[in-house]
Amino acid sequence: MIFTKKQILGSAQDFAYQVHHNDTSGHDFLHIERVVNNAKTIAKHAGADSFICQMAAYLHDIADEKISSDPEKSTQQIIQFLIEQGLSTEDREHIMEIITTMSFRGGANKQPPRTLEGKVVQDADRLDALGAIGIARVMAYSGHTARPIHDPSILVRDQMTVAEYRSNRGTAVTHFYEKLLKLKDLMNTDYGRHMAEGRHRVMEEYLEQFYAEWDGER
């Protein structure tokens, strides 16, 4: 049976929903939908293949170690899903390459994605960690992992291994400096960078207000 791209995208949406709809860490299905919407917007401006971008966006967190208890098994499930949809080997490999190379990994992943579609999807995902939504998500994730909002005695880590980044020894506020405020300058596409600039300013203004309230100045 041959499926249309619209049908395949619908199946990818269903697959993502089944994995993410009960998540409370900030990586829920609505995060996936926002990343897909970001990817569609950036792909349009960048001239990228929107189908590949949307597929990778729907599937990008399924095998993430923050979500999956068995990332290797989840990766194989994604591959099997793509085979069942009748995608070509080239498209399957392209989507899997995007998914497996886009993570921030504590800043250790410094190599930009190889393809334009990979750059689009990485930008789309990073945008959802910025701005008002990014602030809400970092607080949700901090609550989910019992990480404190702020502790002045816990310092920002400048250099981290992937294991240290995943150790969750920081706070919600240190995460701004260890990841979120770095993302604007790591955007791959012109339009992704344009979208990131406004969201970055929102986070800077938030932190200014946060510290003023913390010190009882406002």
Protein backbone atom coordinates (compact mmCIF):
# COMPACT_ATOMS: atom_id res chain seq x y z
CA MET A 1 0.00 0.00 0.00
CA ILE A 2 1.30 3.43 -0.96
CA PHE A 3 0.64 6.28 1.47
CA THR A 4 0.50 9.96 0.62
CA LYS A 5 2.76 12.42 2.43
CA LYS A 6 -0.29 13.78 4.24
CA GLN A 7 -1.17 10.27 5.47
CA ILE A 8 2.41 9.62 6.57
CA LEU A 9 2.53 12.88 8.49
CA GLY A 10 -0.75 11.93 10.15
CA SER A 11 0.71 8.60 11.20
CA ALA A 12 3.82 10.32 12.56
CA GLN A 13 1.59 12.67 14.53
CA ASP A 14 -0.29 9.67 15.99
CA PHE A 15 2.97 7.92 16.85
CA ALA A 16 4.28 11.01 18.63
CA TYR A 17 1.01 11.44 20.51
CA GLN A 18 1.14 7.88 21.82
CA VAL A 19 4.66 8.42 23.17
CA HIS A 20 4.34 11.94 24.54
CA HIS A 21 0.75 12.70 25.56
CA ASN A 22 1.24 11.80 29.24
CA ASP A 23 4.58 13.58 29.64
CA THR A 24 4.88 16.23 32.38
CA SER A 25 8.53 17.20 31.87
CA GLY A 26 7.99 19.83 29.18
CA HIS A 27 8.54 17.28 26.40
CA ASP A 28 4.85 16.55 25.93
CA PHE A 29 2.93 16.20 22.68
CA LEU A 30 2.17 19.93 22.54
CA HIS A 31 5.94 20.58 22.56
CA ILE A 32 6.17 18.29 19.54
CA GLU A 33 3.37 20.16 17.78
CA ARG A 34 5.08 23.50 18.44
CA VAL A 35 8.37 22.19 17.04
CA VAL A 36 6.54 20.98 13.94
CA ASN A 37 4.94 24.40 13.49
CA ASN A 38 8.32 26.11 13.94
CA ALA A 39 9.87 23.72 11.42
CA LYS A 40 7.15 24.42 8.84
CA THR A 41 7.66 28.17 9.21
CA ILE A 42 11.46 28.05 8.98
CA ALA A 43 11.43 25.51 6.13
CA LYS A 44 9.22 27.82 4.10
CA HIS A 45 11.64 30.74 4.51
CA ALA A 46 14.77 28.60 4.06
CA GLY A 47 13.56 26.63 1.03
CA ALA A 48 13.92 23.28 2.82
CA ASP A 49 11.94 20.08 2.25
CA SER A 50 8.95 20.63 4.53
CA PHE A 51 7.94 16.97 4.58
CA ILE A 52 11.33 15.80 5.84
CA CYS A 53 11.42 18.62 8.38
CA GLN A 54 7.96 17.82 9.73
CA MET A 55 8.67 14.09 9.94
CA ALA A 56 11.88 14.63 11.88
CA ALA A 57 10.14 17.17 14.13
CA TYR A 58 7.35 14.72 14.99
CA LEU A 59 9.82 11.94 15.80
CA HIS A 60 12.75 13.85 17.27
CA ASP A 61 12.15 13.17 20.99
CA ILE A 62 10.88 9.59 20.86
CA ALA A 63 14.32 8.06 21.49
CA ASP A 64 15.62 10.92 23.63
CA GLU A 65 17.09 9.61 26.89
CA LYS A 66 15.04 12.18 28.84
CA ILE A 67 11.90 10.47 27.53
CA SER A 68 12.79 6.88 26.71
CA SER A 69 13.93 4.31 29.25
CA ASP A 70 15.53 2.37 26.38
CA PRO A 71 16.74 4.82 23.68
CA GLU A 72 18.22 2.06 21.51
CA LYS A 73 14.91 0.18 21.42
CA SER A 74 13.02 3.42 20.74
CA THR A 75 15.40 4.18 17.85
CA GLN A 76 14.64 0.81 16.30
CA GLN A 77 10.91 1.51 16.69
CA ILE A 78 11.32 4.76 14.76
CA ILE A 79 13.21 2.99 11.98
CA GLN A 80 10.54 0.30 11.77
CA PHE A 81 7.83 2.95 11.68
CA LEU A 82 9.52 4.70 8.74
CA ILE A 83 9.86 1.40 6.88
CA GLU A 84 6.17 0.66 7.41
CA GLN A 85 5.28 4.05 5.93
CA GLY A 86 7.02 3.08 2.70
CA LEU A 87 9.62 5.83 2.79
CA SER A 88 12.65 5.48 0.57
CA THR A 89 15.97 4.44 2.11
CA GLU A 90 17.30 7.92 1.38
CA ASP A 91 14.43 9.64 3.23
CA ARG A 92 14.61 7.21 6.16
CA GLU A 93 18.34 7.75 6.56
CA HIS A 94 17.94 11.52 6.26
CA ILE A 95 15.26 11.65 8.97
CA MET A 96 17.27 9.40 11.29
CA GLU A 97 20.39 11.48 10.76
CA ILE A 98 18.48 14.61 11.78
CA ILE A 99 17.04 12.96 14.88
CA THR A 100 20.32 11.48 16.09
CA THR A 101 22.51 14.57 15.60
CA MET A 102 20.36 17.50 16.72
CA SER A 103 20.65 17.33 20.52
CA PHE A 104 22.41 20.11 22.47
CA ARG A 105 24.17 17.63 24.80
CA GLY A 106 25.36 20.25 27.23
CA GLY A 107 26.99 22.23 24.45
CA ALA A 108 29.19 19.26 23.55
CA ASN A 109 27.48 18.89 20.17
CA LYS A 110 29.24 21.70 18.31
CA GLN A 111 28.95 20.27 14.81
CA PRO A 112 26.04 21.86 12.88
CA PRO A 113 23.66 19.49 11.10
CA ARG A 114 24.87 18.37 7.69
CA THR A 115 21.71 19.15 5.72
CA LEU A 116 19.47 22.18 5.43
CA GLU A 117 16.55 20.14 6.80
CA GLY A 118 18.63 19.15 9.81
CA LYS A 119 19.46 22.78 10.46
CA VAL A 120 15.79 23.72 10.21
CA VAL A 121 14.63 21.07 12.68
CA GLN A 122 17.40 21.82 15.16
CA ASP A 123 16.44 25.51 15.04
CA ALA A 124 12.75 24.62 15.44
CA ASP A 125 13.44 22.55 18.55
CA ARG A 126 15.75 25.13 20.07
CA LEU A 127 13.20 27.88 19.55
CA ASP A 128 10.81 26.03 21.86
CA ALA A 129 13.43 26.31 24.61
CA LEU A 130 13.43 30.11 24.27
CA GLY A 131 11.11 32.96 25.17
CA ALA A 132 7.99 32.74 27.31
CA ILE A 133 7.46 29.09 26.43
CA GLY A 134 11.09 28.28 27.13
CA ILE A 135 10.78 29.83 30.60
CA ALA A 136 7.66 27.79 31.31
CA ARG A 137 9.34 24.61 30.08
CA VAL A 138 12.49 25.01 32.15
CA MET A 139 10.37 25.49 35.26
CA ALA A 140 8.21 22.48 34.38
CA TYR A 141 11.29 20.32 33.82
CA SER A 142 12.87 21.53 37.03
CA GLY A 143 9.78 20.56 39.00
CA HIS A 144 9.67 17.22 37.19
CA THR A 145 13.28 16.44 38.19
CA ALA A 146 13.20 18.03 41.68
CA ARG A 147 15.67 20.69 40.59
CA PRO A 148 15.43 23.95 42.63
CA ILE A 149 14.36 27.17 40.93
CA HIS A 150 17.34 29.13 42.26
CA ASP A 151 20.11 28.73 44.80
CA PRO A 152 22.80 31.45 44.81
CA SER A 153 25.33 28.94 46.16
CA ILE A 154 25.02 26.77 43.04
CA LEU A 155 27.27 28.24 40.37
CA VAL A 156 26.93 28.16 36.60
CA ARG A 157 29.07 25.45 34.98
CA ASP A 158 31.11 26.78 32.07
CA GLN A 159 32.39 23.46 30.75
CA MET A 160 30.47 20.20 31.06
CA THR A 161 30.65 16.68 29.79
CA VAL A 162 27.40 15.18 28.52
CA ALA A 163 27.17 13.15 31.74
CA GLU A 164 27.61 16.28 33.86
CA TYR A 165 24.97 18.09 31.82
CA ARG A 166 22.54 15.23 32.37
CA SER A 167 23.36 14.98 36.09
CA ASN A 168 20.79 17.66 36.96
CA ARG A 169 23.00 19.23 39.64
CA GLY A 170 22.13 22.79 38.68
CA THR A 171 19.02 24.90 39.09
CA ALA A 172 16.38 26.25 36.76
CA VAL A 173 18.21 29.60 36.73
CA THR A 174 21.66 28.14 36.04
CA HIS A 175 20.10 26.30 33.07
CA PHE A 176 19.45 29.67 31.46
CA TYR A 177 23.19 30.32 31.38
CA GLU A 178 24.31 26.78 30.67
CA LYS A 179 22.01 26.37 27.66
CA LEU A 180 19.10 28.70 26.97
CA LEU A 181 20.94 32.00 26.60
CA LYS A 182 23.48 30.34 24.28
CA LEU A 183 20.91 29.16 21.76
CA LYS A 184 20.38 32.43 19.89
CA ASP A 185 23.97 32.40 18.67
CA LEU A 186 23.76 28.72 17.73
CA MET A 187 20.89 29.09 15.27
CA ASN A 188 21.63 27.68 11.83
CA THR A 189 19.18 29.55 9.60
CA ASP A 190 18.54 33.25 9.04
CA TYR A 191 14.86 32.99 9.91
CA GLY A 192 15.52 30.80 12.93
CA ARG A 193 17.98 33.43 14.15
CA HIS A 194 15.39 36.16 13.54
CA MET A 195 12.79 34.27 15.59
CA ALA A 196 15.31 33.56 18.36
CA GLU A 197 16.29 37.19 18.86
CA GLY A 198 12.90 38.28 20.22
CA ARG A 199 12.58 35.22 22.43
CA HIS A 200 16.11 35.77 23.77
CA ARG A 201 15.19 39.30 24.85
CA VAL A 202 12.17 37.96 26.73
CA MET A 203 14.44 35.69 28.77
CA GLU A 204 16.90 38.49 29.52
CA GLU A 205 14.05 40.70 30.74
CA TYR A 206 12.67 37.83 32.82
CA LEU A 207 16.00 37.25 34.56
CA GLU A 208 16.37 40.95 35.30
CA GLN A 209 12.93 40.94 36.95
CA PHE A 210 13.64 37.63 38.69
CA TYR A 211 16.80 38.89 40.40
CA ALA A 212 15.11 42.16 41.39
CA GLU A 213 12.27 40.24 43.03
CA TRP A 214 14.71 37.80 44.65
CA ASP A 215 16.54 40.71 46.28
CA GLY A 216 13.30 42.43 47.26
CA GLU A 217 13.96 45.43 45.01
CA ARG A 218 10.68 45.31 43.03
